[in-house]
Amino acid sequence: WAVKGQDVLYGYPKDIHRSFGFPSTVKNIDAAVSEEDTGKT
């Protein structure tokens, strides 16, 4: 998901298998954070 305020941005949520390369055995991700200042996820 990507949100701005309370709005979900266009194109989200993304498929975790096609977009991020997770194997099909991964069914969900509990949480992820992207830190804009450091560029780290």
Protein backbone atom coordinates (compact mmCIF):
# COMPACT_ATOMS: atom_id res chain seq x y z
CA TRP A 1 0.00 0.00 0.00
CA ALA A 2 1.03 3.59 -0.54
CA VAL A 3 -1.05 6.30 1.03
CA LYS A 4 -1.11 10.06 1.05
CA GLY A 5 -3.18 11.37 3.91
CA GLN A 6 -6.11 8.95 3.97
CA ASP A 7 -6.04 8.14 0.25
CA VAL A 8 -4.57 4.95 -1.22
CA LEU A 9 -2.42 5.95 -4.20
CA TYR A 10 -3.14 4.70 -7.72
CA GLY A 11 -1.50 1.36 -8.52
CA TYR A 12 -1.51 0.10 -4.93
CA PRO A 13 -1.52 -2.33 -3.27
CA LYS A 14 1.04 -4.18 -5.39
CA ASP A 15 1.27 -7.93 -5.81
CA ILE A 16 4.09 -9.19 -3.55
CA HIS A 17 5.07 -11.95 -5.97
CA ARG A 18 5.21 -10.06 -9.28
CA SER A 19 6.33 -6.68 -7.93
CA PHE A 20 8.81 -7.76 -5.26
CA GLY A 21 9.88 -11.27 -6.24
CA PHE A 22 8.64 -13.14 -3.17
CA PRO A 23 8.15 -16.88 -3.73
CA SER A 24 4.61 -18.25 -3.93
CA THR A 25 5.03 -19.80 -0.47
CA VAL A 26 4.91 -16.28 1.02
CA LYS A 27 1.24 -15.47 1.53
CA ASN A 28 1.47 -12.09 3.29
CA ILE A 29 3.82 -9.56 4.83
CA ASP A 30 3.10 -8.23 8.31
CA ALA A 31 4.70 -4.81 7.83
CA ALA A 32 7.21 -2.81 5.82
CA VAL A 33 8.38 0.77 6.15
CA SER A 34 10.20 2.98 3.68
CA GLU A 35 12.26 5.80 5.19
CA GLU A 36 12.46 8.62 2.67
CA ASP A 37 15.36 10.44 4.40
CA THR A 38 17.69 7.43 4.34
CA GLY A 39 16.28 5.62 1.30
CA LYS A 40 16.06 2.41 3.33
CA THR A 41 13.14 -0.01 3.42
